[in-house]
Amino acid sequence: MDTLAGGNFYWVAQGGGDAKGHNVLGIADRDVELSGGAPGNPYSCSNSCHISLAHEHAVEGLGSGCGGCHLRPAHHAIDSDTVVGLEQADDDGYYRFLSGHMSGNNHGVAGIEDSDWQYTKSAADHNEYLGWEGHLQYRAGFYNLGHTMTAFCCGCHGDFHEEQDSGSNWIRHPSDAVIPDSGEYAGAFGAEGGGTGTYDPLVPVARPSLSGWTEPGSSVTLGTGGDMVMCLSCHRAHGSPYYKIMRWDYKNWPGEGTNGCGVCHTSKY
């Protein structure tokens, strides 16, 4: 399905569409299946904003609806740099105005914003996201994952890293983990064992650093110190026509359509 980078709330607003998007005030009612709140649990916070975005919040500074994530939109914010939010404070700009809730200065997302929100896209025409290789054993957030998209997602899904078992097989897919350059991953992104592949906007990766970047990169680096799989590698931020806001029809694969998993897992069929 061809959408802008964040996907579309259309599908979650349809009857029975809770599993196809984030439920946001004014668009969709609270998720009937996840009545206890976001899976993964909010990190060290009991405020209702981290449980559901479908409620209006009375606490100043928490934001409601779209403002629950895009917390401090401002036309005068400093967001003209190629890399937005890497070293700026809350009253300046962060990537797509994604900043932490009442968490102090310098807690927000850094990245390169595609000028048309990926209406057009290619290996060299896309958003860029910052990553931070997670230790995968503890709760995560801005305090230990830096200015990353995964740190922001952990505001509502904070236990995601802690609930993974790094000592044996994964109990769910890792996030902010470097994509290996061997085994089934040697051919990821078309690398063909050479350690460098071609960027695919359908499966975005997180970069270990964006310092000094002047434009989006067209390649993906595998192996130690390389690029990482992150939350948005597999999920849309707003909504998609697929189960669990996936970027492709994972639930009904194998079958017709794109198998995005195969971009990294080239020999696992």
C-alpha atoms as a PDB file:
ATOM      1  CA  MET A   1       0.000   0.000   0.000  1.00  0.00           C
ATOM      2  CA  ASP A   2       1.433   3.373  -1.058  1.00  0.00           C
ATOM      3  CA  THR A   3       1.122   5.994   1.724  1.00  0.00           C
ATOM      4  CA  LEU A   4       3.097   8.865   3.169  1.00  0.00           C
ATOM      5  CA  ALA A   5       5.850   7.920   5.616  1.00  0.00           C
ATOM      6  CA  GLY A   6       3.589   7.779   8.679  1.00  0.00           C
ATOM      7  CA  GLY A   7       0.850   5.824   6.957  1.00  0.00           C
ATOM      8  CA  ASN A   8      -2.775   6.906   7.381  1.00  0.00           C
ATOM      9  CA  PHE A   9      -5.323   6.906  10.191  1.00  0.00           C
ATOM     10  CA  TYR A  10      -8.060   5.932   7.735  1.00  0.00           C
ATOM     11  CA  TRP A  11      -7.908   2.233   8.584  1.00  0.00           C
ATOM     12  CA  VAL A  12      -8.069   2.575  12.367  1.00  0.00           C
ATOM     13  CA  ALA A  13     -11.109   4.840  11.977  1.00  0.00           C
ATOM     14  CA  GLN A  14     -13.045   2.078  10.237  1.00  0.00           C
ATOM     15  CA  GLY A  15     -15.172  -0.384  12.198  1.00  0.00           C
ATOM     16  CA  GLY A  16     -13.011  -3.089  13.767  1.00  0.00           C
ATOM     17  CA  GLY A  17      -9.816  -1.309  12.765  1.00  0.00           C
ATOM     18  CA  ASP A  18      -8.163  -1.034  16.183  1.00  0.00           C
ATOM     19  CA  ALA A  19      -5.260  -3.272  15.177  1.00  0.00           C
ATOM     20  CA  LYS A  20      -4.495  -1.123  12.135  1.00  0.00           C
ATOM     21  CA  GLY A  21      -3.451   2.140  13.732  1.00  0.00           C
ATOM     22  CA  HIS A  22      -2.945   4.289  16.787  1.00  0.00           C
ATOM     23  CA  ASN A  23      -6.270   5.352  18.319  1.00  0.00           C
ATOM     24  CA  VAL A  24      -6.154   9.147  18.482  1.00  0.00           C
ATOM     25  CA  LEU A  25      -8.682  11.626  19.871  1.00  0.00           C
ATOM     26  CA  GLY A  26     -11.001  12.892  17.151  1.00  0.00           C
ATOM     27  CA  ILE A  27     -10.155  10.014  14.816  1.00  0.00           C
ATOM     28  CA  ALA A  28     -10.892   6.764  16.635  1.00  0.00           C
ATOM     29  CA  ASP A  29     -12.234   5.700  20.022  1.00  0.00           C
ATOM     30  CA  ARG A  30     -10.084   3.916  22.567  1.00  0.00           C
ATOM     31  CA  ASP A  31      -8.874   0.460  21.541  1.00  0.00           C
ATOM     32  CA  VAL A  32     -11.387  -2.117  22.792  1.00  0.00           C
ATOM     33  CA  GLU A  33      -8.859  -4.968  22.822  1.00  0.00           C
ATOM     34  CA  LEU A  34      -6.052  -3.097  24.609  1.00  0.00           C
ATOM     35  CA  SER A  35      -8.123  -1.694  27.446  1.00  0.00           C
ATOM     36  CA  GLY A  36      -5.150  -1.804  29.806  1.00  0.00           C
ATOM     37  CA  GLY A  37      -3.118   0.570  27.702  1.00  0.00           C
ATOM     38  CA  ALA A  38      -0.333   0.408  25.185  1.00  0.00           C
ATOM     39  CA  PRO A  39       1.465  -2.973  24.957  1.00  0.00           C
ATOM     40  CA  GLY A  40       4.852  -2.718  26.581  1.00  0.00           C
ATOM     41  CA  ASN A  41       3.598  -0.369  29.313  1.00  0.00           C
ATOM     42  CA  PRO A  42       4.597   3.282  29.730  1.00  0.00           C
ATOM     43  CA  TYR A  43       8.018   3.726  31.253  1.00  0.00           C
ATOM     44  CA  SER A  44       7.892   5.013  34.846  1.00  0.00           C
ATOM     45  CA  CYS A  45       4.728   6.989  34.176  1.00  0.00           C
ATOM     46  CA  SER A  46       1.090   6.463  35.078  1.00  0.00           C
ATOM     47  CA  ASN A  47      -0.320   9.486  33.230  1.00  0.00           C
ATOM     48  CA  SER A  48      -3.259   8.562  31.028  1.00  0.00           C
ATOM     49  CA  CYS A  49      -1.594  10.104  27.969  1.00  0.00           C
ATOM     50  CA  HIS A  50       0.750   7.120  27.882  1.00  0.00           C
ATOM     51  CA  ILE A  51      -2.138   4.659  28.129  1.00  0.00           C
ATOM     52  CA  SER A  52      -4.346   6.013  25.350  1.00  0.00           C
ATOM     53  CA  LEU A  53      -4.179   8.934  22.899  1.00  0.00           C
ATOM     54  CA  ALA A  54      -7.947   8.690  22.418  1.00  0.00           C
ATOM     55  CA  HIS A  55      -8.713  10.693  25.584  1.00  0.00           C
ATOM     56  CA  GLU A  56      -8.585  14.426  26.130  1.00  0.00           C
ATOM     57  CA  HIS A  57      -6.091  15.241  28.858  1.00  0.00           C
ATOM     58  CA  ALA A  58      -6.563  18.046  31.330  1.00  0.00           C
ATOM     59  CA  VAL A  59      -2.945  18.231  32.532  1.00  0.00           C
ATOM     60  CA  GLU A  60      -1.192  21.171  30.911  1.00  0.00           C
ATOM     61  CA  GLY A  61       1.775  20.096  28.827  1.00  0.00           C
ATOM     62  CA  LEU A  62       0.668  16.526  28.161  1.00  0.00           C
ATOM     63  CA  GLY A  63      -1.117  17.182  24.892  1.00  0.00           C
ATOM     64  CA  SER A  64      -4.220  15.459  23.497  1.00  0.00           C
ATOM     65  CA  GLY A  65      -4.855  13.609  20.271  1.00  0.00           C
ATOM     66  CA  CYS A  66      -2.192  14.411  17.674  1.00  0.00           C
ATOM     67  CA  GLY A  67      -0.579  16.683  20.278  1.00  0.00           C
ATOM     68  CA  GLY A  68       0.066  13.659  22.469  1.00  0.00           C
ATOM     69  CA  CYS A  69       2.955  12.770  20.151  1.00  0.00           C
ATOM     70  CA  HIS A  70       3.596  15.995  18.222  1.00  0.00           C
ATOM     71  CA  LEU A  71       3.826  17.777  21.532  1.00  0.00           C
ATOM     72  CA  ARG A  72       5.207  21.225  20.744  1.00  0.00           C
ATOM     73  CA  PRO A  73       4.349  22.247  17.176  1.00  0.00           C
ATOM     74  CA  ALA A  74       5.431  25.812  16.413  1.00  0.00           C
ATOM     75  CA  HIS A  75       5.837  27.651  13.128  1.00  0.00           C
ATOM     76  CA  HIS A  76       8.750  29.611  14.594  1.00  0.00           C
ATOM     77  CA  ALA A  77      10.707  26.571  15.814  1.00  0.00           C
ATOM     78  CA  ILE A  78      14.230  26.231  14.497  1.00  0.00           C
ATOM     79  CA  ASP A  79      13.919  23.280  12.156  1.00  0.00           C
ATOM     80  CA  SER A  80      15.841  24.509   9.112  1.00  0.00           C
ATOM     81  CA  ASP A  81      18.934  22.373   9.690  1.00  0.00           C
ATOM     82  CA  THR A  82      19.309  19.255   7.570  1.00  0.00           C
ATOM     83  CA  VAL A  83      19.398  17.164  10.745  1.00  0.00           C
ATOM     84  CA  VAL A  84      16.634  18.449  13.018  1.00  0.00           C
ATOM     85  CA  GLY A  85      16.724  18.085  16.793  1.00  0.00           C
ATOM     86  CA  LEU A  86      20.153  16.615  17.310  1.00  0.00           C
ATOM     87  CA  GLU A  87      21.377  19.284  19.727  1.00  0.00           C
ATOM     88  CA  GLN A  88      18.410  21.612  20.133  1.00  0.00           C
ATOM     89  CA  ALA A  89      16.278  22.374  23.163  1.00  0.00           C
ATOM     90  CA  ASP A  90      12.549  21.919  23.602  1.00  0.00           C
ATOM     91  CA  ASP A  91      11.679  25.468  22.495  1.00  0.00           C
ATOM     92  CA  ASP A  92      13.485  24.956  19.210  1.00  0.00           C
ATOM     93  CA  GLY A  93      12.745  22.168  16.766  1.00  0.00           C
ATOM     94  CA  TYR A  94      12.680  18.411  16.999  1.00  0.00           C
ATOM     95  CA  TYR A  95      12.051  15.963  14.194  1.00  0.00           C
ATOM     96  CA  ARG A  96       8.341  16.350  13.308  1.00  0.00           C
ATOM     97  CA  PHE A  97       7.882  18.078  16.713  1.00  0.00           C
ATOM     98  CA  LEU A  98       8.292  14.738  18.525  1.00  0.00           C
ATOM     99  CA  SER A  99       9.465  15.493  22.057  1.00  0.00           C
ATOM    100  CA  GLY A 100       9.129  14.013  25.521  1.00  0.00           C
ATOM    101  CA  HIS A 101       6.300  14.739  27.933  1.00  0.00           C
ATOM    102  CA  MET A 102       7.378  16.925  30.834  1.00  0.00           C
ATOM    103  CA  SER A 103      10.809  15.333  30.673  1.00  0.00           C
ATOM    104  CA  GLY A 104      12.999  18.416  30.609  1.00  0.00           C
ATOM    105  CA  ASN A 105      15.090  19.988  27.892  1.00  0.00           C
ATOM    106  CA  ASN A 106      16.961  18.042  25.239  1.00  0.00           C
ATOM    107  CA  HIS A 107      14.483  15.161  25.178  1.00  0.00           C
ATOM    108  CA  GLY A 108      13.239  14.787  21.622  1.00  0.00           C
ATOM    109  CA  VAL A 109      13.728  13.003  18.320  1.00  0.00           C
ATOM    110  CA  ALA A 110      16.470  13.831  15.822  1.00  0.00           C
ATOM    111  CA  GLY A 111      16.305  13.036  12.130  1.00  0.00           C
ATOM    112  CA  ILE A 112      16.251  14.298   8.564  1.00  0.00           C
ATOM    113  CA  GLU A 113      12.754  15.329   7.458  1.00  0.00           C
ATOM    114  CA  ASP A 114      11.836  14.491   3.886  1.00  0.00           C
ATOM    115  CA  SER A 115      10.291  17.639   2.400  1.00  0.00           C
ATOM    116  CA  ASP A 116       7.215  15.914   0.937  1.00  0.00           C
ATOM    117  CA  TRP A 117       6.734  13.346   3.732  1.00  0.00           C
ATOM    118  CA  GLN A 118       7.849  10.635   1.274  1.00  0.00           C
ATOM    119  CA  TYR A 119       5.088  11.340  -1.233  1.00  0.00           C
ATOM    120  CA  THR A 120       7.954  10.666  -3.608  1.00  0.00           C
ATOM    121  CA  LYS A 121      10.573   8.250  -2.384  1.00  0.00           C
ATOM    122  CA  SER A 122      13.612   6.339  -3.522  1.00  0.00           C
ATOM    123  CA  ALA A 123      16.892   5.034  -2.121  1.00  0.00           C
ATOM    124  CA  ALA A 124      18.099   8.637  -1.842  1.00  0.00           C
ATOM    125  CA  ASP A 125      14.755  10.361  -1.169  1.00  0.00           C
ATOM    126  CA  HIS A 126      13.397   9.577   2.309  1.00  0.00           C
ATOM    127  CA  ASN A 127      13.426  10.434   6.004  1.00  0.00           C
ATOM    128  CA  GLU A 128      16.448   9.544   8.091  1.00  0.00           C
ATOM    129  CA  TYR A 129      16.230   8.233  11.655  1.00  0.00           C
ATOM    130  CA  LEU A 130      18.787   8.126  14.435  1.00  0.00           C
ATOM    131  CA  GLY A 131      19.446   4.862  16.254  1.00  0.00           C
ATOM    132  CA  TRP A 132      21.280   3.792  19.384  1.00  0.00           C
ATOM    133  CA  GLU A 133      22.254   0.165  19.790  1.00  0.00           C
ATOM    134  CA  GLY A 134      20.148  -0.996  22.727  1.00  0.00           C
ATOM    135  CA  HIS A 135      21.394  -3.227  25.526  1.00  0.00           C
ATOM    136  CA  LEU A 136      18.095  -5.114  25.216  1.00  0.00           C
ATOM    137  CA  GLN A 137      17.785  -5.987  28.883  1.00  0.00           C
ATOM    138  CA  TYR A 138      16.279  -2.904  30.548  1.00  0.00           C
ATOM    139  CA  ARG A 139      13.489  -0.413  30.081  1.00  0.00           C
ATOM    140  CA  ALA A 140      14.309   2.209  27.502  1.00  0.00           C
ATOM    141  CA  GLY A 141      13.619   5.861  26.808  1.00  0.00           C
ATOM    142  CA  PHE A 142      15.380   9.129  26.016  1.00  0.00           C
ATOM    143  CA  TYR A 143      17.579   8.676  29.068  1.00  0.00           C
ATOM    144  CA  ASN A 144      19.408   5.683  27.585  1.00  0.00           C
ATOM    145  CA  LEU A 145      18.608   5.699  23.858  1.00  0.00           C
ATOM    146  CA  GLY A 146      19.402   9.320  23.032  1.00  0.00           C
ATOM    147  CA  HIS A 147      17.462  11.339  20.442  1.00  0.00           C
ATOM    148  CA  THR A 148      16.074   8.258  18.725  1.00  0.00           C
ATOM    149  CA  MET A 149      12.664   7.336  17.368  1.00  0.00           C
ATOM    150  CA  THR A 150      12.723   4.150  19.437  1.00  0.00           C
ATOM    151  CA  ALA A 151      13.288   6.194  22.614  1.00  0.00           C
ATOM    152  CA  PHE A 152      10.195   8.227  21.751  1.00  0.00           C
ATOM    153  CA  CYS A 153       8.091   5.116  21.106  1.00  0.00           C
ATOM    154  CA  CYS A 154       9.184   3.821  24.499  1.00  0.00           C
ATOM    155  CA  GLY A 155       7.218   6.652  26.128  1.00  0.00           C
ATOM    156  CA  CYS A 156       4.203   4.359  25.755  1.00  0.00           C
ATOM    157  CA  HIS A 157       5.919   1.036  25.038  1.00  0.00           C
ATOM    158  CA  GLY A 158       8.701   1.390  27.599  1.00  0.00           C
ATOM    159  CA  ASP A 159       9.202  -2.237  28.584  1.00  0.00           C
ATOM    160  CA  PHE A 160       9.794  -3.408  25.032  1.00  0.00           C
ATOM    161  CA  HIS A 161      13.557  -3.707  25.445  1.00  0.00           C
ATOM    162  CA  GLU A 162      13.319  -5.205  28.932  1.00  0.00           C
ATOM    163  CA  GLU A 163      10.925  -7.919  27.811  1.00  0.00           C
ATOM    164  CA  GLN A 164      13.338  -9.253  25.200  1.00  0.00           C
ATOM    165  CA  ASP A 165      15.673 -12.084  26.129  1.00  0.00           C
ATOM    166  CA  SER A 166      19.141 -11.380  24.754  1.00  0.00           C
ATOM    167  CA  GLY A 167      20.538 -14.595  26.210  1.00  0.00           C
ATOM    168  CA  SER A 168      18.675 -16.974  23.907  1.00  0.00           C
ATOM    169  CA  ASN A 169      16.134 -16.824  21.103  1.00  0.00           C
ATOM    170  CA  TRP A 170      14.201 -13.554  20.810  1.00  0.00           C
ATOM    171  CA  ILE A 171      10.705 -13.680  22.278  1.00  0.00           C
ATOM    172  CA  ARG A 172       9.813 -10.802  19.929  1.00  0.00           C
ATOM    173  CA  HIS A 173      11.646  -8.956  17.197  1.00  0.00           C
ATOM    174  CA  PRO A 174      14.539  -6.803  18.456  1.00  0.00           C
ATOM    175  CA  SER A 175      14.570  -3.040  18.040  1.00  0.00           C
ATOM    176  CA  ASP A 176      17.644  -0.831  17.778  1.00  0.00           C
ATOM    177  CA  ALA A 177      19.766  -3.884  17.044  1.00  0.00           C
ATOM    178  CA  VAL A 178      22.490  -3.778  14.400  1.00  0.00           C
ATOM    179  CA  ILE A 179      21.652  -5.770  11.260  1.00  0.00           C
ATOM    180  CA  PRO A 180      24.304  -8.513  10.951  1.00  0.00           C
ATOM    181  CA  ASP A 181      26.409  -9.027   7.829  1.00  0.00           C
ATOM    182  CA  SER A 182      26.478 -12.816   7.961  1.00  0.00           C
ATOM    183  CA  GLY A 183      24.137 -15.795   7.772  1.00  0.00           C
ATOM    184  CA  GLU A 184      20.646 -15.052   6.526  1.00  0.00           C
ATOM    185  CA  TYR A 185      21.428 -11.316   6.720  1.00  0.00           C
ATOM    186  CA  ALA A 186      24.480 -11.340   4.422  1.00  0.00           C
ATOM    187  CA  GLY A 187      22.260 -10.458   1.476  1.00  0.00           C
ATOM    188  CA  ALA A 188      20.095  -7.913   3.317  1.00  0.00           C
ATOM    189  CA  PHE A 189      19.136  -4.897   1.215  1.00  0.00           C
ATOM    190  CA  GLY A 190      20.871  -6.531  -1.735  1.00  0.00           C
ATOM    191  CA  ALA A 191      24.297  -6.508  -0.063  1.00  0.00           C
ATOM    192  CA  GLU A 192      25.168  -9.942  -1.502  1.00  0.00           C
ATOM    193  CA  GLY A 193      27.768 -10.530   1.211  1.00  0.00           C
ATOM    194  CA  GLY A 194      29.582  -7.244   0.649  1.00  0.00           C
ATOM    195  CA  GLY A 195      28.381  -5.523   3.833  1.00  0.00           C
ATOM    196  CA  THR A 196      26.680  -2.636   2.014  1.00  0.00           C
ATOM    197  CA  GLY A 197      23.199  -2.664   0.503  1.00  0.00           C
ATOM    198  CA  THR A 198      20.744  -0.223  -1.066  1.00  0.00           C
ATOM    199  CA  TYR A 199      18.337   1.720   1.141  1.00  0.00           C
ATOM    200  CA  ASP A 200      14.705   0.642   0.830  1.00  0.00           C
ATOM    201  CA  PRO A 201      12.093   3.242   1.978  1.00  0.00           C
ATOM    202  CA  LEU A 202       9.639   0.419   2.722  1.00  0.00           C
ATOM    203  CA  VAL A 203      12.022  -0.893   5.402  1.00  0.00           C
ATOM    204  CA  PRO A 204      13.721   2.179   6.930  1.00  0.00           C
ATOM    205  CA  VAL A 205      16.739   1.702   9.143  1.00  0.00           C
ATOM    206  CA  ALA A 206      18.173   3.755  12.002  1.00  0.00           C
ATOM    207  CA  ARG A 207      21.665   5.224  11.673  1.00  0.00           C
ATOM    208  CA  PRO A 208      24.274   5.051  14.447  1.00  0.00           C
ATOM    209  CA  SER A 209      25.024   8.753  13.858  1.00  0.00           C
ATOM    210  CA  LEU A 210      23.587  11.633  11.844  1.00  0.00           C
ATOM    211  CA  SER A 211      26.241  14.187  12.828  1.00  0.00           C
ATOM    212  CA  GLY A 212      27.459  16.067   9.782  1.00  0.00           C
ATOM    213  CA  TRP A 213      24.897  14.572   7.406  1.00  0.00           C
ATOM    214  CA  THR A 214      23.838  16.915   4.598  1.00  0.00           C
ATOM    215  CA  GLU A 215      21.323  14.652   2.819  1.00  0.00           C
ATOM    216  CA  PRO A 216      19.695  11.230   3.136  1.00  0.00           C
ATOM    217  CA  GLY A 217      21.920   8.237   2.525  1.00  0.00           C
ATOM    218  CA  SER A 218      21.258   5.789  -0.307  1.00  0.00           C
ATOM    219  CA  SER A 219      23.001   2.781   1.211  1.00  0.00           C
ATOM    220  CA  VAL A 220      22.667   0.527   4.257  1.00  0.00           C
ATOM    221  CA  THR A 221      25.720  -0.645   6.204  1.00  0.00           C
ATOM    222  CA  LEU A 222      25.560  -4.088   7.792  1.00  0.00           C
ATOM    223  CA  GLY A 223      27.618  -5.540  10.620  1.00  0.00           C
ATOM    224  CA  THR A 224      29.360  -4.102  13.679  1.00  0.00           C
ATOM    225  CA  GLY A 225      28.812  -0.366  14.024  1.00  0.00           C
ATOM    226  CA  GLY A 226      26.336  -0.401  11.146  1.00  0.00           C
ATOM    227  CA  ASP A 227      22.690   0.466  10.672  1.00  0.00           C
ATOM    228  CA  MET A 228      19.899  -0.855  12.872  1.00  0.00           C
ATOM    229  CA  VAL A 229      16.404  -2.261  12.727  1.00  0.00           C
ATOM    230  CA  MET A 230      14.019  -0.062  14.732  1.00  0.00           C
ATOM    231  CA  CYS A 231      10.310   0.321  15.506  1.00  0.00           C
ATOM    232  CA  LEU A 232       9.520   2.022  12.192  1.00  0.00           C
ATOM    233  CA  SER A 233      11.402  -0.571  10.165  1.00  0.00           C
ATOM    234  CA  CYS A 234       8.345  -2.801  10.429  1.00  0.00           C
ATOM    235  CA  HIS A 235       5.499  -0.527  11.641  1.00  0.00           C
ATOM    236  CA  ARG A 236       3.877   2.667  10.397  1.00  0.00           C
ATOM    237  CA  ALA A 237       3.607   5.472  12.943  1.00  0.00           C
ATOM    238  CA  HIS A 238      -0.028   6.411  12.243  1.00  0.00           C
ATOM    239  CA  GLY A 239      -1.803   3.513  10.594  1.00  0.00           C
ATOM    240  CA  SER A 240      -1.760   0.969   7.789  1.00  0.00           C
ATOM    241  CA  PRO A 241      -4.184  -1.499   6.180  1.00  0.00           C
ATOM    242  CA  TYR A 242      -2.308  -4.345   7.846  1.00  0.00           C
ATOM    243  CA  TYR A 243      -2.498  -6.103  11.221  1.00  0.00           C
ATOM    244  CA  LYS A 244      -0.554  -4.368  14.020  1.00  0.00           C
ATOM    245  CA  ILE A 245       0.191  -1.386  11.795  1.00  0.00           C
ATOM    246  CA  MET A 246       2.715  -3.418   9.815  1.00  0.00           C
ATOM    247  CA  ARG A 247       4.224  -1.982   6.648  1.00  0.00           C
ATOM    248  CA  TRP A 248       3.283  -5.116   4.712  1.00  0.00           C
ATOM    249  CA  ASP A 249       0.787  -7.964   5.040  1.00  0.00           C
ATOM    250  CA  TYR A 250       2.832 -10.030   7.468  1.00  0.00           C
ATOM    251  CA  LYS A 251      -0.134 -11.896   8.944  1.00  0.00           C
ATOM    252  CA  ASN A 252      -1.273 -13.336   5.607  1.00  0.00           C
ATOM    253  CA  TRP A 253       2.162 -14.121   4.220  1.00  0.00           C
ATOM    254  CA  PRO A 254       3.069 -16.257   2.319  1.00  0.00           C
ATOM    255  CA  GLY A 255       0.665 -15.057  -0.298  1.00  0.00           C
ATOM    256  CA  GLU A 256       0.232 -12.134  -2.604  1.00  0.00           C
ATOM    257  CA  GLY A 257       1.992  -8.879  -1.823  1.00  0.00           C
ATOM    258  CA  THR A 258       5.360  -7.752  -0.541  1.00  0.00           C
ATOM    259  CA  ASN A 259       7.300  -9.791   2.004  1.00  0.00           C
ATOM    260  CA  GLY A 260       9.161  -6.977   3.735  1.00  0.00           C
ATOM    261  CA  CYS A 261      10.701  -9.411   6.232  1.00  0.00           C
ATOM    262  CA  GLY A 262      12.707 -10.845   3.350  1.00  0.00           C
ATOM    263  CA  VAL A 263      14.606  -7.576   2.911  1.00  0.00           C
ATOM    264  CA  CYS A 264      16.709  -8.536   5.951  1.00  0.00           C
ATOM    265  CA  HIS A 265      15.911 -12.237   6.385  1.00  0.00           C
ATOM    266  CA  THR A 266      16.917 -13.153   2.861  1.00  0.00           C
ATOM    267  CA  SER A 267      17.078 -16.926   3.377  1.00  0.00           C
ATOM    268  CA  LYS A 268      14.288 -17.463   5.929  1.00  0.00           C
ATOM    269  CA  TYR A 269      11.215 -18.616   4.023  1.00  0.00           C
END
